[in-house]
Amino acid sequence: MGVEDSRIIGHACNGIKHFPDVTKATWQSLVMESELPVLVEFWASWCGPCKMIDPIVGKLSKEYEGKLKCYKLNTDENPDIASQYGVRSIPTMMMFKNGEKKDAVIGAVPESTLITCVEKFTER
């Protein structure tokens, strides 16, 4: 492999990591029973601001790997969970730790706002 080939591969690996979906079926095991703090993005496919915040959450997922889990919950497909946590506006990002909702950030906020929220609940 030439230098040019390795640069292309390296560039692709540095791309934003997509983070997995959580559903009603996986909520208990992935969020409630997680040993790490969990950031859940409540979203829907038709939501423009959700598309704006998505890459930021993806970036945090990569930057805090090993310290934080990030998941997406589609509110159209899982309305009961969204309702259970009082989600009335999307995107809503919620922090969970030890199976408890700890904090929430509503709207397409700057990256710094999400970092401040995440930092309160993750180990340095």
Protein backbone atom coordinates (compact mmCIF):
# COMPACT_ATOMS: atom_id res chain seq x y z
CA MET A 1 0.00 0.00 0.00
CA GLY A 2 1.41 3.38 -1.00
CA VAL A 3 1.43 6.53 1.11
CA GLU A 4 -1.48 7.93 -0.87
CA ASP A 5 -3.58 4.82 -0.16
CA SER A 6 -2.94 4.98 3.59
CA ARG A 7 -3.94 8.67 3.66
CA ILE A 8 -7.29 7.83 2.08
CA ILE A 9 -7.93 5.00 4.54
CA GLY A 10 -6.79 7.13 7.47
CA HIS A 11 -9.12 9.92 6.41
CA ALA A 12 -12.07 7.54 6.19
CA CYS A 13 -11.38 6.21 9.69
CA ASN A 14 -11.46 9.73 11.12
CA GLY A 15 -15.01 10.27 9.91
CA ILE A 16 -17.89 10.78 12.30
CA LYS A 17 -18.91 7.55 13.97
CA HIS A 18 -22.58 6.76 13.70
CA PHE A 19 -24.03 5.66 16.98
CA PRO A 20 -26.61 2.90 17.38
CA ASP A 21 -30.36 3.07 17.89
CA VAL A 22 -32.03 2.02 21.11
CA THR A 23 -35.62 0.76 21.09
CA LYS A 24 -38.23 -0.31 23.61
CA ALA A 25 -36.82 -3.85 23.34
CA THR A 26 -33.22 -2.78 24.12
CA TRP A 27 -33.86 0.20 26.45
CA GLN A 28 -33.48 -1.77 29.69
CA SER A 29 -30.21 -3.49 28.77
CA LEU A 30 -28.52 -0.63 26.87
CA VAL A 31 -29.59 2.38 28.95
CA MET A 32 -30.92 1.35 32.36
CA GLU A 33 -28.32 -1.36 33.03
CA SER A 34 -25.31 0.40 31.48
CA GLU A 35 -22.25 0.64 33.70
CA LEU A 36 -21.23 3.80 31.85
CA PRO A 37 -23.21 7.04 31.66
CA VAL A 38 -25.51 7.09 28.62
CA LEU A 39 -26.45 9.99 26.35
CA VAL A 40 -29.69 9.31 24.45
CA GLU A 41 -30.74 11.50 21.53
CA PHE A 42 -34.52 11.49 21.14
CA TRP A 43 -35.14 12.21 17.43
CA ALA A 44 -37.31 11.61 14.36
CA SER A 45 -36.42 11.24 10.69
CA TRP A 46 -38.47 14.31 9.66
CA CYS A 47 -36.82 16.61 12.24
CA GLY A 48 -34.42 19.17 10.72
CA PRO A 49 -32.77 20.24 14.02
CA CYS A 50 -32.20 16.53 14.80
CA LYS A 51 -30.11 16.27 11.63
CA MET A 52 -28.06 19.26 12.84
CA ILE A 53 -27.30 17.79 16.27
CA ASP A 54 -26.68 14.23 15.04
CA PRO A 55 -23.04 14.78 13.94
CA ILE A 56 -22.27 16.48 17.27
CA VAL A 57 -23.58 13.52 19.27
CA GLY A 58 -21.67 11.21 16.90
CA LYS A 59 -18.48 13.17 17.58
CA LEU A 60 -19.03 12.97 21.35
CA SER A 61 -19.61 9.23 21.03
CA LYS A 62 -16.15 8.93 19.50
CA GLU A 63 -14.39 11.41 21.83
CA TYR A 64 -15.80 9.84 25.00
CA GLU A 65 -15.43 6.22 23.88
CA GLY A 66 -14.95 4.02 26.95
CA LYS A 67 -16.44 6.71 29.24
CA LEU A 68 -19.87 7.28 27.69
CA LYS A 69 -22.40 5.36 25.60
CA CYS A 70 -24.46 7.25 23.00
CA TYR A 71 -27.70 6.00 21.50
CA LYS A 72 -30.54 7.38 19.36
CA LEU A 73 -34.19 6.76 20.11
CA ASN A 74 -36.68 7.37 17.30
CA THR A 75 -39.69 8.98 19.00
CA ASP A 76 -42.05 7.99 16.16
CA GLU A 77 -41.15 4.31 16.60
CA ASN A 78 -40.91 4.38 20.43
CA PRO A 79 -43.51 6.91 21.63
CA ASP A 80 -44.01 5.17 24.97
CA ILE A 81 -40.40 5.75 26.10
CA ALA A 82 -40.44 9.36 24.88
CA SER A 83 -43.69 9.89 26.78
CA GLN A 84 -42.35 8.18 29.91
CA TYR A 85 -39.52 10.73 30.08
CA GLY A 86 -41.69 13.72 29.16
CA VAL A 87 -40.12 14.39 25.77
CA ARG A 88 -42.28 17.06 24.13
CA SER A 89 -39.73 18.56 21.76
CA ILE A 90 -37.00 17.02 19.63
CA PRO A 91 -34.13 16.79 19.53
CA THR A 92 -33.84 16.13 23.25
CA MET A 93 -30.60 14.70 24.60
CA MET A 94 -30.86 12.99 28.00
CA MET A 95 -28.09 11.83 30.27
CA PHE A 96 -28.65 8.64 32.24
CA LYS A 97 -26.37 7.28 34.94
CA ASN A 98 -26.97 4.18 37.05
CA GLY A 99 -30.40 3.76 35.45
CA GLU A 100 -31.57 7.27 36.36
CA LYS A 101 -32.28 10.30 34.21
CA LYS A 102 -29.78 12.91 35.36
CA ASP A 103 -30.05 15.80 32.90
CA ALA A 104 -31.63 16.87 29.61
CA VAL A 105 -30.71 19.31 26.87
CA ILE A 106 -33.44 20.34 24.44
CA GLY A 107 -32.93 21.61 20.91
CA ALA A 108 -30.09 21.90 18.41
CA VAL A 109 -27.60 23.34 20.88
CA PRO A 110 -23.90 24.15 20.36
CA GLU A 111 -21.38 21.36 20.91
CA SER A 112 -20.05 23.17 24.00
CA THR A 113 -23.48 22.89 25.69
CA LEU A 114 -23.53 19.11 25.21
CA ILE A 115 -19.91 18.78 26.36
CA THR A 116 -20.77 20.65 29.59
CA CYS A 117 -23.66 18.24 30.19
CA VAL A 118 -21.56 15.13 29.44
CA GLU A 119 -18.62 16.30 31.58
CA LYS A 120 -20.84 16.44 34.69
CA PHE A 121 -21.42 12.68 34.52
CA THR A 122 -18.29 11.14 32.99
CA GLU A 123 -14.96 10.20 34.57
CA ARG A 124 -11.99 12.24 33.45
